[in-house]
Amino acid sequence: QGQLVESGGGSVQPGGSLRLSCVASGFLFRPFAMNWYRQAPGKERELVAGITMAGGRINYGEPVKGRFTISRDYMKNTVSLQMNSLKPEDTAVYYCHSILDGSGMEYWGKGTLVAVSS
């Protein structure tokens, strides 16, 4: 059974930085795309950033453009999210999401908390 394992969440002051990572392991198919979503208390889950693993095509949610950078290691089935200039409104649980090549099946990680406060 495959899984997505996130790491790198934590607490930081406004203006600080954090780096999240997610590893996809144990799947029969490689990920076609890997994405980061987030969900703040009382709000809907939203796309933060996504990347296609082979082509490296990237898209960002509007609130994080210019501050967050997504990258991937195709051979290691890993995606990272560098988050700079963090704001209190970035506080949320961040989830790794993957769409597998071939099957099109989607998987979610358990989430990692990012808390931005002074």
PDB file of N, CA and C in Angstrom:
ATOM      1  N   GLN A   1       0.845  -1.186   0.000  1.00  0.00           N
ATOM      2  CA  GLN A   1       0.000   0.000   0.000  1.00  0.00           C
ATOM      3  C   GLN A   1       0.877   1.231   0.000  1.00  0.00           C
ATOM      4  N   GLY A   2       0.673   2.100  -0.958  1.00  0.00           N
ATOM      5  CA  GLY A   2       1.495   3.293  -1.045  1.00  0.00           C
ATOM      6  C   GLY A   2       1.072   4.337  -0.046  1.00  0.00           C
ATOM      7  N   GLN A   3       1.953   5.277   0.190  1.00  0.00           N
ATOM      8  CA  GLN A   3       1.639   6.356   1.111  1.00  0.00           C
ATOM      9  C   GLN A   3       2.423   7.606   0.760  1.00  0.00           C
ATOM     10  N   LEU A   4       1.893   8.725   1.208  1.00  0.00           N
ATOM     11  CA  LEU A   4       2.567  10.012   1.103  1.00  0.00           C
ATOM     12  C   LEU A   4       2.935  10.437   2.516  1.00  0.00           C
ATOM     13  N   VAL A   5       4.187  10.775   2.708  1.00  0.00           N
ATOM     14  CA  VAL A   5       4.650  11.158   4.037  1.00  0.00           C
ATOM     15  C   VAL A   5       5.213  12.571   3.978  1.00  0.00           C
ATOM     16  N   GLU A   6       4.571  13.468   4.728  1.00  0.00           N
ATOM     17  CA  GLU A   6       5.003  14.860   4.781  1.00  0.00           C
ATOM     18  C   GLU A   6       5.939  15.083   5.955  1.00  0.00           C
ATOM     19  N   SER A   7       6.787  16.091   5.811  1.00  0.00           N
ATOM     20  CA  SER A   7       7.657  16.501   6.909  1.00  0.00           C
ATOM     21  C   SER A   7       7.967  17.977   6.760  1.00  0.00           C
ATOM     22  N   GLY A   8       8.382  18.593   7.859  1.00  0.00           N
ATOM     23  CA  GLY A   8       8.877  19.961   7.798  1.00  0.00           C
ATOM     24  C   GLY A   8       7.965  21.021   8.363  1.00  0.00           C
ATOM     25  N   GLY A   9       6.795  20.669   8.826  1.00  0.00           N
ATOM     26  CA  GLY A   9       5.911  21.678   9.410  1.00  0.00           C
ATOM     27  C   GLY A   9       6.458  22.171  10.737  1.00  0.00           C
ATOM     28  N   GLY A  10       5.814  23.199  11.280  1.00  0.00           N
ATOM     29  CA  GLY A  10       6.229  23.728  12.564  1.00  0.00           C
ATOM     30  C   GLY A  10       5.708  25.120  12.786  1.00  0.00           C
ATOM     31  N   SER A  11       6.288  25.788  13.781  1.00  0.00           N
ATOM     32  CA  SER A  11       5.881  27.148  14.134  1.00  0.00           C
ATOM     33  C   SER A  11       6.968  28.134  13.726  1.00  0.00           C
ATOM     34  N   VAL A  12       6.542  29.283  13.255  1.00  0.00           N
ATOM     35  CA  VAL A  12       7.492  30.294  12.803  1.00  0.00           C
ATOM     36  C   VAL A  12       6.860  31.663  12.982  1.00  0.00           C
ATOM     37  N   GLN A  13       7.700  32.661  13.119  1.00  0.00           N
ATOM     38  CA  GLN A  13       7.204  34.030  13.231  1.00  0.00           C
ATOM     39  C   GLN A  13       6.903  34.603  11.850  1.00  0.00           C
ATOM     40  N   PRO A  14       6.046  35.602  11.798  1.00  0.00           N
ATOM     41  CA  PRO A  14       5.779  36.251  10.504  1.00  0.00           C
ATOM     42  C   PRO A  14       7.075  36.730   9.849  1.00  0.00           C
ATOM     43  N   GLY A  15       7.159  36.499   8.555  1.00  0.00           N
ATOM     44  CA  GLY A  15       8.364  36.841   7.811  1.00  0.00           C
ATOM     45  C   GLY A  15       9.370  35.723   7.735  1.00  0.00           C
ATOM     46  N   GLY A  16       9.139  34.659   8.494  1.00  0.00           N
ATOM     47  CA  GLY A  16      10.056  33.542   8.505  1.00  0.00           C
ATOM     48  C   GLY A  16       9.839  32.578   7.354  1.00  0.00           C
ATOM     49  N   SER A  17      10.596  31.495   7.384  1.00  0.00           N
ATOM     50  CA  SER A  17      10.561  30.499   6.313  1.00  0.00           C
ATOM     51  C   SER A  17      10.445  29.095   6.878  1.00  0.00           C
ATOM     52  N   LEU A  18       9.833  28.243   6.106  1.00  0.00           N
ATOM     53  CA  LEU A  18       9.776  26.809   6.392  1.00  0.00           C
ATOM     54  C   LEU A  18       9.861  26.061   5.074  1.00  0.00           C
ATOM     55  N   ARG A  19      10.307  24.836   5.178  1.00  0.00           N
ATOM     56  CA  ARG A  19      10.367  23.979   3.987  1.00  0.00           C
ATOM     57  C   ARG A  19       9.645  22.677   4.291  1.00  0.00           C
ATOM     58  N   LEU A  20       8.671  22.355   3.454  1.00  0.00           N
ATOM     59  CA  LEU A  20       7.943  21.101   3.569  1.00  0.00           C
ATOM     60  C   LEU A  20       8.439  20.124   2.510  1.00  0.00           C
ATOM     61  N   SER A  21       8.414  18.855   2.862  1.00  0.00           N
ATOM     62  CA  SER A  21       8.763  17.816   1.902  1.00  0.00           C
ATOM     63  C   SER A  21       7.734  16.702   1.965  1.00  0.00           C
ATOM     64  N   CYS A  22       7.583  16.012   0.847  1.00  0.00           N
ATOM     65  CA  CYS A  22       6.648  14.894   0.774  1.00  0.00           C
ATOM     66  C   CYS A  22       7.269  13.810  -0.094  1.00  0.00           C
ATOM     67  N   VAL A  23       7.249  12.609   0.412  1.00  0.00           N
ATOM     68  CA  VAL A  23       7.781  11.463  -0.324  1.00  0.00           C
ATOM     69  C   VAL A  23       6.645  10.502  -0.629  1.00  0.00           C
ATOM     70  N   ALA A  24       6.544  10.116  -1.888  1.00  0.00           N
ATOM     71  CA  ALA A  24       5.582   9.096  -2.304  1.00  0.00           C
ATOM     72  C   ALA A  24       6.317   7.765  -2.387  1.00  0.00           C
ATOM     73  N   SER A  25       5.825   6.786  -1.655  1.00  0.00           N
ATOM     74  CA  SER A  25       6.512   5.492  -1.646  1.00  0.00           C
ATOM     75  C   SER A  25       5.507   4.353  -1.643  1.00  0.00           C
ATOM     76  N   GLY A  26       5.936   3.245  -2.193  1.00  0.00           N
ATOM     77  CA  GLY A  26       5.128   2.033  -2.146  1.00  0.00           C
ATOM     78  C   GLY A  26       4.019   1.943  -3.175  1.00  0.00           C
ATOM     79  N   PHE A  27       3.970   2.887  -4.127  1.00  0.00           N
ATOM     80  CA  PHE A  27       2.930   2.847  -5.145  1.00  0.00           C
ATOM     81  C   PHE A  27       3.380   2.018  -6.344  1.00  0.00           C
ATOM     82  N   LEU A  28       2.392   1.424  -7.006  1.00  0.00           N
ATOM     83  CA  LEU A  28       2.684   0.643  -8.196  1.00  0.00           C
ATOM     84  C   LEU A  28       3.080   1.560  -9.350  1.00  0.00           C
ATOM     85  N   PHE A  29       2.471   2.726  -9.416  1.00  0.00           N
ATOM     86  CA  PHE A  29       2.757   3.686 -10.469  1.00  0.00           C
ATOM     87  C   PHE A  29       3.453   4.910  -9.892  1.00  0.00           C
ATOM     88  N   ARG A  30       4.245   5.562 -10.725  1.00  0.00           N
ATOM     89  CA  ARG A  30       4.860   6.832 -10.319  1.00  0.00           C
ATOM     90  C   ARG A  30       3.802   7.923 -10.257  1.00  0.00           C
ATOM     91  N   PRO A  31       4.036   8.943  -9.451  1.00  0.00           N
ATOM     92  CA  PRO A  31       3.135  10.099  -9.473  1.00  0.00           C
ATOM     93  C   PRO A  31       3.236  10.850 -10.791  1.00  0.00           C
ATOM     94  N   PHE A  32       2.087  11.205 -11.351  1.00  0.00           N
ATOM     95  CA  PHE A  32       2.061  12.086 -12.514  1.00  0.00           C
ATOM     96  C   PHE A  32       2.237  13.535 -12.060  1.00  0.00           C
ATOM     97  N   ALA A  33       1.587  13.861 -10.988  1.00  0.00           N
ATOM     98  CA  ALA A  33       1.672  15.207 -10.416  1.00  0.00           C
ATOM     99  C   ALA A  33       1.626  15.101  -8.902  1.00  0.00           C
ATOM    100  N   MET A  34       2.277  16.044  -8.260  1.00  0.00           N
ATOM    101  CA  MET A  34       2.222  16.136  -6.812  1.00  0.00           C
ATOM    102  C   MET A  34       1.890  17.576  -6.444  1.00  0.00           C
ATOM    103  N   ASN A  35       1.025  17.723  -5.473  1.00  0.00           N
ATOM    104  CA  ASN A  35       0.500  19.043  -5.119  1.00  0.00           C
ATOM    105  C   ASN A  35       0.542  19.243  -3.609  1.00  0.00           C
ATOM    106  N   TRP A  36       0.511  20.485  -3.225  1.00  0.00           N
ATOM    107  CA  TRP A  36       0.323  20.871  -1.835  1.00  0.00           C
ATOM    108  C   TRP A  36      -1.004  21.622  -1.718  1.00  0.00           C
ATOM    109  N   TYR A  37      -1.817  21.163  -0.799  1.00  0.00           N
ATOM    110  CA  TYR A  37      -3.044  21.854  -0.435  1.00  0.00           C
ATOM    111  C   TYR A  37      -2.917  22.287   1.025  1.00  0.00           C
ATOM    112  N   ARG A  38      -3.775  23.202   1.416  1.00  0.00           N
ATOM    113  CA  ARG A  38      -3.822  23.579   2.824  1.00  0.00           C
ATOM    114  C   ARG A  38      -5.255  23.828   3.247  1.00  0.00           C
ATOM    115  N   GLN A  39      -5.460  23.647   4.537  1.00  0.00           N
ATOM    116  CA  GLN A  39      -6.786  23.906   5.090  1.00  0.00           C
ATOM    117  C   GLN A  39      -6.632  24.589   6.438  1.00  0.00           C
ATOM    118  N   ALA A  40      -7.133  25.791   6.504  1.00  0.00           N
ATOM    119  CA  ALA A  40      -7.137  26.547   7.751  1.00  0.00           C
ATOM    120  C   ALA A  40      -8.443  26.276   8.491  1.00  0.00           C
ATOM    121  N   PRO A  41      -8.458  26.467   9.803  1.00  0.00           N
ATOM    122  CA  PRO A  41      -9.682  26.232  10.573  1.00  0.00           C
ATOM    123  C   PRO A  41     -10.860  27.020  10.030  1.00  0.00           C
ATOM    124  N   GLY A  42     -11.955  26.326   9.784  1.00  0.00           N
ATOM    125  CA  GLY A  42     -13.163  26.984   9.313  1.00  0.00           C
ATOM    126  C   GLY A  42     -13.169  27.338   7.845  1.00  0.00           C
ATOM    127  N   LYS A  43     -12.133  26.929   7.126  1.00  0.00           N
ATOM    128  CA  LYS A  43     -12.043  27.255   5.705  1.00  0.00           C
ATOM    129  C   LYS A  43     -11.959  25.989   4.876  1.00  0.00           C
ATOM    130  N   GLU A  44     -12.244  26.141   3.591  1.00  0.00           N
ATOM    131  CA  GLU A  44     -12.144  25.013   2.680  1.00  0.00           C
ATOM    132  C   GLU A  44     -10.683  24.741   2.325  1.00  0.00           C
ATOM    133  N   ARG A  45     -10.432  23.506   1.949  1.00  0.00           N
ATOM    134  CA  ARG A  45      -9.092  23.150   1.506  1.00  0.00           C
ATOM    135  C   ARG A  45      -8.808  23.860   0.175  1.00  0.00           C
ATOM    136  N   GLU A  46      -7.608  24.403   0.039  1.00  0.00           N
ATOM    137  CA  GLU A  46      -7.255  25.126  -1.181  1.00  0.00           C
ATOM    138  C   GLU A  46      -5.913  24.660  -1.713  1.00  0.00           C
ATOM    139  N   LEU A  47      -5.760  24.775  -3.020  1.00  0.00           N
ATOM    140  CA  LEU A  47      -4.494  24.428  -3.661  1.00  0.00           C
ATOM    141  C   LEU A  47      -3.457  25.495  -3.348  1.00  0.00           C
ATOM    142  N   VAL A  48      -2.302  25.048  -2.901  1.00  0.00           N
ATOM    143  CA  VAL A  48      -1.181  25.951  -2.661  1.00  0.00           C
ATOM    144  C   VAL A  48      -0.261  25.980  -3.865  1.00  0.00           C
ATOM    145  N   ALA A  49       0.151  24.795  -4.308  1.00  0.00           N
ATOM    146  CA  ALA A  49       1.064  24.697  -5.443  1.00  0.00           C
ATOM    147  C   ALA A  49       1.041  23.272  -5.959  1.00  0.00           C
ATOM    148  N   GLY A  50       1.326  23.124  -7.251  1.00  0.00           N
ATOM    149  CA  GLY A  50       1.369  21.807  -7.849  1.00  0.00           C
ATOM    150  C   GLY A  50       2.443  21.731  -8.908  1.00  0.00           C
ATOM    151  N   ILE A  51       2.906  20.525  -9.161  1.00  0.00           N
ATOM    152  CA  ILE A  51       3.956  20.333 -10.151  1.00  0.00           C
ATOM    153  C   ILE A  51       3.771  18.972 -10.806  1.00  0.00           C
ATOM    154  N   THR A  52       3.986  18.905 -12.106  1.00  0.00           N
ATOM    155  CA  THR A  52       3.999  17.623 -12.791  1.00  0.00           C
ATOM    156  C   THR A  52       5.404  17.037 -12.674  1.00  0.00           C
ATOM    157  N   MET A  53       5.479  15.777 -12.380  1.00  0.00           N
ATOM    158  CA  MET A  53       6.762  15.197 -12.015  1.00  0.00           C
ATOM    159  C   MET A  53       7.720  15.047 -13.202  1.00  0.00           C
ATOM    160  N   ALA A  54       7.201  14.658 -14.346  1.00  0.00           N
ATOM    161  CA  ALA A  54       8.078  14.472 -15.502  1.00  0.00           C
ATOM    162  C   ALA A  54       8.426  15.802 -16.167  1.00  0.00           C
ATOM    163  N   GLY A  55       7.400  16.613 -16.407  1.00  0.00           N
ATOM    164  CA  GLY A  55       7.624  17.852 -17.141  1.00  0.00           C
ATOM    165  C   GLY A  55       7.974  19.047 -16.292  1.00  0.00           C
ATOM    166  N   GLY A  56       7.692  18.968 -14.994  1.00  0.00           N
ATOM    167  CA  GLY A  56       8.015  20.088 -14.127  1.00  0.00           C
ATOM    168  C   GLY A  56       7.112  21.284 -14.307  1.00  0.00           C
ATOM    169  N   ARG A  57       5.912  21.072 -14.863  1.00  0.00           N
ATOM    170  CA  ARG A  57       4.980  22.185 -15.023  1.00  0.00           C
ATOM    171  C   ARG A  57       4.418  22.564 -13.657  1.00  0.00           C
ATOM    172  N   ILE A  58       4.426  23.872 -13.362  1.00  0.00           N
ATOM    173  CA  ILE A  58       4.101  24.366 -12.029  1.00  0.00           C
ATOM    174  C   ILE A  58       2.912  25.307 -12.070  1.00  0.00           C
ATOM    175  N   ASN A  59       2.105  25.250 -11.027  1.00  0.00           N
ATOM    176  CA  ASN A  59       1.100  26.280 -10.811  1.00  0.00           C
ATOM    177  C   ASN A  59       0.989  26.576  -9.326  1.00  0.00           C
ATOM    178  N   TYR A  60       0.652  27.818  -9.022  1.00  0.00           N
ATOM    179  CA  TYR A  60       0.549  28.297  -7.650  1.00  0.00           C
ATOM    180  C   TYR A  60      -0.815  28.907  -7.398  1.00  0.00           C
ATOM    181  N   GLY A  61      -1.260  28.764  -6.165  1.00  0.00           N
ATOM    182  CA  GLY A  61      -2.430  29.513  -5.750  1.00  0.00           C
ATOM    183  C   GLY A  61      -2.078  30.985  -5.613  1.00  0.00           C
ATOM    184  N   GLU A  62      -3.023  31.853  -5.886  1.00  0.00           N
ATOM    185  CA  GLU A  62      -2.762  33.289  -5.875  1.00  0.00           C
ATOM    186  C   GLU A  62      -2.166  33.796  -4.557  1.00  0.00           C
ATOM    187  N   PRO A  63      -2.647  33.321  -3.410  1.00  0.00           N
ATOM    188  CA  PRO A  63      -2.133  33.887  -2.145  1.00  0.00           C
ATOM    189  C   PRO A  63      -0.643  33.647  -1.898  1.00  0.00           C
ATOM    190  N   VAL A  64      -0.043  32.680  -2.598  1.00  0.00           N
ATOM    191  CA  VAL A  64       1.344  32.333  -2.288  1.00  0.00           C
ATOM    192  C   VAL A  64       2.313  32.684  -3.407  1.00  0.00           C
ATOM    193  N   LYS A  65       1.801  33.191  -4.494  1.00  0.00           N
ATOM    194  CA  LYS A  65       2.682  33.526  -5.623  1.00  0.00           C
ATOM    195  C   LYS A  65       3.747  34.536  -5.194  1.00  0.00           C
ATOM    196  N   GLY A  66       4.978  34.241  -5.585  1.00  0.00           N
ATOM    197  CA  GLY A  66       6.086  35.122  -5.251  1.00  0.00           C
ATOM    198  C   GLY A  66       6.706  34.845  -3.891  1.00  0.00           C
ATOM    199  N   ARG A  67       6.066  34.010  -3.092  1.00  0.00           N
ATOM    200  CA  ARG A  67       6.589  33.699  -1.756  1.00  0.00           C
ATOM    201  C   ARG A  67       6.953  32.231  -1.599  1.00  0.00           C
ATOM    202  N   PHE A  68       6.192  31.358  -2.232  1.00  0.00           N
ATOM    203  CA  PHE A  68       6.409  29.923  -2.111  1.00  0.00           C
ATOM    204  C   PHE A  68       7.003  29.391  -3.413  1.00  0.00           C
ATOM    205  N   THR A  69       7.828  28.361  -3.283  1.00  0.00           N
ATOM    206  CA  THR A  69       8.427  27.717  -4.440  1.00  0.00           C
ATOM    207  C   THR A  69       8.299  26.213  -4.298  1.00  0.00           C
ATOM    208  N   ILE A  70       7.715  25.586  -5.302  1.00  0.00           N
ATOM    209  CA  ILE A  70       7.596  24.128  -5.302  1.00  0.00           C
ATOM    210  C   ILE A  70       8.674  23.542  -6.205  1.00  0.00           C
ATOM    211  N   SER A  71       9.200  22.404  -5.797  1.00  0.00           N
ATOM    212  CA  SER A  71      10.216  21.718  -6.610  1.00  0.00           C
ATOM    213  C   SER A  71      10.029  20.228  -6.454  1.00  0.00           C
ATOM    214  N   ARG A  72      10.638  19.474  -7.362  1.00  0.00           N
ATOM    215  CA  ARG A  72      10.481  18.026  -7.253  1.00  0.00           C
ATOM    216  C   ARG A  72      11.773  17.311  -7.598  1.00  0.00           C
ATOM    217  N   ASP A  73      11.886  16.102  -7.080  1.00  0.00           N
ATOM    218  CA  ASP A  73      12.956  15.176  -7.449  1.00  0.00           C
ATOM    219  C   ASP A  73      12.254  13.986  -8.088  1.00  0.00           C
ATOM    220  N   TYR A  74      12.307  13.948  -9.400  1.00  0.00           N
ATOM    221  CA  TYR A  74      11.540  12.935 -10.132  1.00  0.00           C
ATOM    222  C   TYR A  74      11.960  11.527  -9.760  1.00  0.00           C
ATOM    223  N   MET A  75      13.239  11.295  -9.635  1.00  0.00           N
ATOM    224  CA  MET A  75      13.730   9.938  -9.377  1.00  0.00           C
ATOM    225  C   MET A  75      13.397   9.475  -7.962  1.00  0.00           C
ATOM    226  N   LYS A  76      13.269  10.419  -7.047  1.00  0.00           N
ATOM    227  CA  LYS A  76      12.981  10.069  -5.651  1.00  0.00           C
ATOM    228  C   LYS A  76      11.503  10.219  -5.304  1.00  0.00           C
ATOM    229  N   ASN A  77      10.688  10.564  -6.290  1.00  0.00           N
ATOM    230  CA  ASN A  77       9.247  10.759  -6.049  1.00  0.00           C
ATOM    231  C   ASN A  77       9.000  11.688  -4.871  1.00  0.00           C
ATOM    232  N   THR A  78       9.734  12.774  -4.864  1.00  0.00           N
ATOM    233  CA  THR A  78       9.670  13.714  -3.753  1.00  0.00           C
ATOM    234  C   THR A  78       9.305  15.104  -4.264  1.00  0.00           C
ATOM    235  N   VAL A  79       8.491  15.797  -3.503  1.00  0.00           N
ATOM    236  CA  VAL A  79       8.160  17.177  -3.796  1.00  0.00           C
ATOM    237  C   VAL A  79       8.418  18.009  -2.550  1.00  0.00           C
ATOM    238  N   SER A  80       8.921  19.213  -2.760  1.00  0.00           N
ATOM    239  CA  SER A  80       9.211  20.110  -1.650  1.00  0.00           C
ATOM    240  C   SER A  80       8.521  21.449  -1.866  1.00  0.00           C
ATOM    241  N   LEU A  81       8.257  22.119  -0.776  1.00  0.00           N
ATOM    242  CA  LEU A  81       7.637  23.439  -0.831  1.00  0.00           C
ATOM    243  C   LEU A  81       8.439  24.372   0.061  1.00  0.00           C
ATOM    244  N   GLN A  82       9.140  25.302  -0.546  1.00  0.00           N
ATOM    245  CA  GLN A  82       9.868  26.317   0.193  1.00  0.00           C
ATOM    246  C   GLN A  82       8.942  27.500   0.414  1.00  0.00           C
ATOM    247  N   MET A  83       8.716  27.817   1.670  1.00  0.00           N
ATOM    248  CA  MET A  83       7.776  28.878   2.015  1.00  0.00           C
ATOM    249  C   MET A  83       8.536  30.017   2.682  1.00  0.00           C
ATOM    250  N   ASN A  84       8.562  31.148   2.010  1.00  0.00           N
ATOM    251  CA  ASN A  84       9.245  32.335   2.519  1.00  0.00           C
ATOM    252  C   ASN A  84       8.234  33.438   2.813  1.00  0.00           C
ATOM    253  N   SER A  85       8.677  34.408   3.562  1.00  0.00           N
ATOM    254  CA  SER A  85       7.824  35.563   3.907  1.00  0.00           C
ATOM    255  C   SER A  85       6.468  35.114   4.423  1.00  0.00           C
ATOM    256  N   LEU A  86       6.505  34.184   5.342  1.00  0.00           N
ATOM    257  CA  LEU A  86       5.259  33.610   5.853  1.00  0.00           C
ATOM    258  C   LEU A  86       4.436  34.648   6.602  1.00  0.00           C
ATOM    259  N   LYS A  87       3.134  34.512   6.459  1.00  0.00           N
ATOM    260  CA  LYS A  87       2.175  35.425   7.081  1.00  0.00           C
ATOM    261  C   LYS A  87       1.265  34.631   8.022  1.00  0.00           C
ATOM    262  N   PRO A  88       0.657  35.285   8.982  1.00  0.00           N
ATOM    263  CA  PRO A  88      -0.275  34.567   9.855  1.00  0.00           C
ATOM    264  C   PRO A  88      -1.382  33.858   9.080  1.00  0.00           C
ATOM    265  N   GLU A  89      -1.793  34.414   7.967  1.00  0.00           N
ATOM    266  CA  GLU A  89      -2.854  33.781   7.181  1.00  0.00           C
ATOM    267  C   GLU A  89      -2.393  32.539   6.442  1.00  0.00           C
ATOM    268  N   ASP A  90      -1.103  32.239   6.498  1.00  0.00           N
ATOM    269  CA  ASP A  90      -0.606  30.980   5.952  1.00  0.00           C
ATOM    270  C   ASP A  90      -0.774  29.820   6.935  1.00  0.00           C
ATOM    271  N   THR A  91      -1.193  30.138   8.143  1.00  0.00           N
ATOM    272  CA  THR A  91      -1.399  29.102   9.147  1.00  0.00           C
ATOM    273  C   THR A  91      -2.476  28.130   8.695  1.00  0.00           C
ATOM    274  N   ALA A  92      -2.120  26.851   8.656  1.00  0.00           N
ATOM    275  CA  ALA A  92      -3.032  25.825   8.163  1.00  0.00           C
ATOM    276  C   ALA A  92      -2.358  24.461   8.317  1.00  0.00           C
ATOM    277  N   VAL A  93      -3.159  23.433   8.101  1.00  0.00           N
ATOM    278  CA  VAL A  93      -2.593  22.097   7.912  1.00  0.00           C
ATOM    279  C   VAL A  93      -2.319  21.945   6.421  1.00  0.00           C
ATOM    280  N   TYR A  94      -1.103  21.590   6.094  1.00  0.00           N
ATOM    281  CA  TYR A  94      -0.681  21.432   4.705  1.00  0.00           C
ATOM    282  C   TYR A  94      -0.671  19.943   4.352  1.00  0.00           C
ATOM    283  N   TYR A  95      -1.324  19.632   3.241  1.00  0.00           N
ATOM    284  CA  TYR A  95      -1.471  18.256   2.808  1.00  0.00           C
ATOM    285  C   TYR A  95      -0.753  18.029   1.476  1.00  0.00           C
ATOM    286  N   CYS A  96      -0.052  16.936   1.412  1.00  0.00           N
ATOM    287  CA  CYS A  96       0.525  16.489   0.152  1.00  0.00           C
ATOM    288  C   CYS A  96      -0.524  15.664  -0.595  1.00  0.00           C
ATOM    289  N   HIS A  97      -0.600  15.858  -1.880  1.00  0.00           N
ATOM    290  CA  HIS A  97      -1.592  15.177  -2.716  1.00  0.00           C
ATOM    291  C   HIS A  97      -0.887  14.682  -3.973  1.00  0.00           C
ATOM    292  N   SER A  98      -1.247  13.492  -4.406  1.00  0.00           N
ATOM    293  CA  SER A  98      -0.600  12.932  -5.577  1.00  0.00           C
ATOM    294  C   SER A  98      -1.630  12.300  -6.506  1.00  0.00           C
ATOM    295  N   ILE A  99      -1.388  12.454  -7.783  1.00  0.00           N
ATOM    296  CA  ILE A  99      -2.163  11.772  -8.816  1.00  0.00           C
ATOM    297  C   ILE A  99      -1.209  10.819  -9.507  1.00  0.00           C
ATOM    298  N   LEU A 100      -1.556   9.544  -9.504  1.00  0.00           N
ATOM    299  CA  LEU A 100      -0.635   8.559 -10.037  1.00  0.00           C
ATOM    300  C   LEU A 100      -0.750   8.450 -11.552  1.00  0.00           C
ATOM    301  N   ASP A 101       0.383   8.290 -12.180  1.00  0.00           N
ATOM    302  CA  ASP A 101       0.421   8.065 -13.614  1.00  0.00           C
ATOM    303  C   ASP A 101      -0.182   6.706 -13.926  1.00  0.00           C
ATOM    304  N   GLY A 102      -0.812   6.579 -15.074  1.00  0.00           N
ATOM    305  CA  GLY A 102      -1.399   5.306 -15.441  1.00  0.00           C
ATOM    306  C   GLY A 102      -2.782   5.104 -14.856  1.00  0.00           C
ATOM    307  N   SER A 103      -2.898   5.004 -13.538  1.00  0.00           N
ATOM    308  CA  SER A 103      -4.182   4.725 -12.908  1.00  0.00           C
ATOM    309  C   SER A 103      -5.024   5.970 -12.692  1.00  0.00           C
ATOM    310  N   GLY A 104      -4.394   7.114 -12.542  1.00  0.00           N
ATOM    311  CA  GLY A 104      -5.122   8.336 -12.244  1.00  0.00           C
ATOM    312  C   GLY A 104      -5.652   8.409 -10.824  1.00  0.00           C
ATOM    313  N   MET A 105      -5.285   7.442 -10.002  1.00  0.00           N
ATOM    314  CA  MET A 105      -5.774   7.441  -8.630  1.00  0.00           C
ATOM    315  C   MET A 105      -5.114   8.562  -7.835  1.00  0.00           C
ATOM    316  N   GLU A 106      -5.855   9.070  -6.862  1.00  0.00           N
ATOM    317  CA  GLU A 106      -5.381  10.177  -6.042  1.00  0.00           C
ATOM    318  C   GLU A 106      -5.159   9.711  -4.607  1.00  0.00           C
ATOM    319  N   TYR A 107      -4.134  10.265  -4.007  1.00  0.00           N
ATOM    320  CA  TYR A 107      -3.806   9.943  -2.628  1.00  0.00           C
ATOM    321  C   TYR A 107      -3.482  11.226  -1.869  1.00  0.00           C
ATOM    322  N   TRP A 108      -3.724  11.156  -0.559  1.00  0.00           N
ATOM    323  CA  TRP A 108      -3.457  12.277   0.325  1.00  0.00           C
ATOM    324  C   TRP A 108      -2.544  11.851   1.464  1.00  0.00           C
ATOM    325  N   GLY A 109      -1.673  12.764   1.860  1.00  0.00           N
ATOM    326  CA  GLY A 109      -0.920  12.555   3.080  1.00  0.00           C
ATOM    327  C   GLY A 109      -1.771  12.909   4.280  1.00  0.00           C
ATOM    328  N   LYS A 110      -1.201  12.697   5.469  1.00  0.00           N
ATOM    329  CA  LYS A 110      -1.943  12.954   6.694  1.00  0.00           C
ATOM    330  C   LYS A 110      -1.949  14.422   7.081  1.00  0.00           C
ATOM    331  N   GLY A 111      -1.046  15.184   6.515  1.00  0.00           N
ATOM    332  CA  GLY A 111      -1.002  16.611   6.794  1.00  0.00           C
ATOM    333  C   GLY A 111       0.061  16.980   7.807  1.00  0.00           C
ATOM    334  N   THR A 112       0.561  18.196   7.677  1.00  0.00           N
ATOM    335  CA  THR A 112       1.520  18.732   8.631  1.00  0.00           C
ATOM    336  C   THR A 112       1.144  20.177   8.938  1.00  0.00           C
ATOM    337  N   LEU A 113       1.201  20.525  10.213  1.00  0.00           N
ATOM    338  CA  LEU A 113       0.735  21.837  10.644  1.00  0.00           C
ATOM    339  C   LEU A 113       1.812  22.900  10.470  1.00  0.00           C
ATOM    340  N   VAL A 114       1.422  24.003   9.861  1.00  0.00           N
ATOM    341  CA  VAL A 114       2.265  25.192   9.774  1.00  0.00           C
ATOM    342  C   VAL A 114       1.550  26.301  10.539  1.00  0.00           C
ATOM    343  N   ALA A 115       2.224  26.832  11.552  1.00  0.00           N
ATOM    344  CA  ALA A 115       1.644  27.874  12.387  1.00  0.00           C
ATOM    345  C   ALA A 115       2.525  29.115  12.329  1.00  0.00           C
ATOM    346  N   VAL A 116       1.947  30.229  11.910  1.00  0.00           N
ATOM    347  CA  VAL A 116       2.692  31.476  11.779  1.00  0.00           C
ATOM    348  C   VAL A 116       2.099  32.500  12.749  1.00  0.00           C
ATOM    349  N   SER A 117       2.875  32.848  13.738  1.00  0.00           N
ATOM    350  CA  SER A 117       2.391  33.825  14.722  1.00  0.00           C
ATOM    351  C   SER A 117       3.562  34.460  15.427  1.00  0.00           C
ATOM    352  N   SER A 118       3.299  35.629  16.000  1.00  0.00           N
ATOM    353  CA  SER A 118       4.337  36.332  16.739  1.00  0.00           C
ATOM    354  C   SER A 118       4.183  36.086  18.237  1.00  0.00           C
TER     355      SER A 118
END
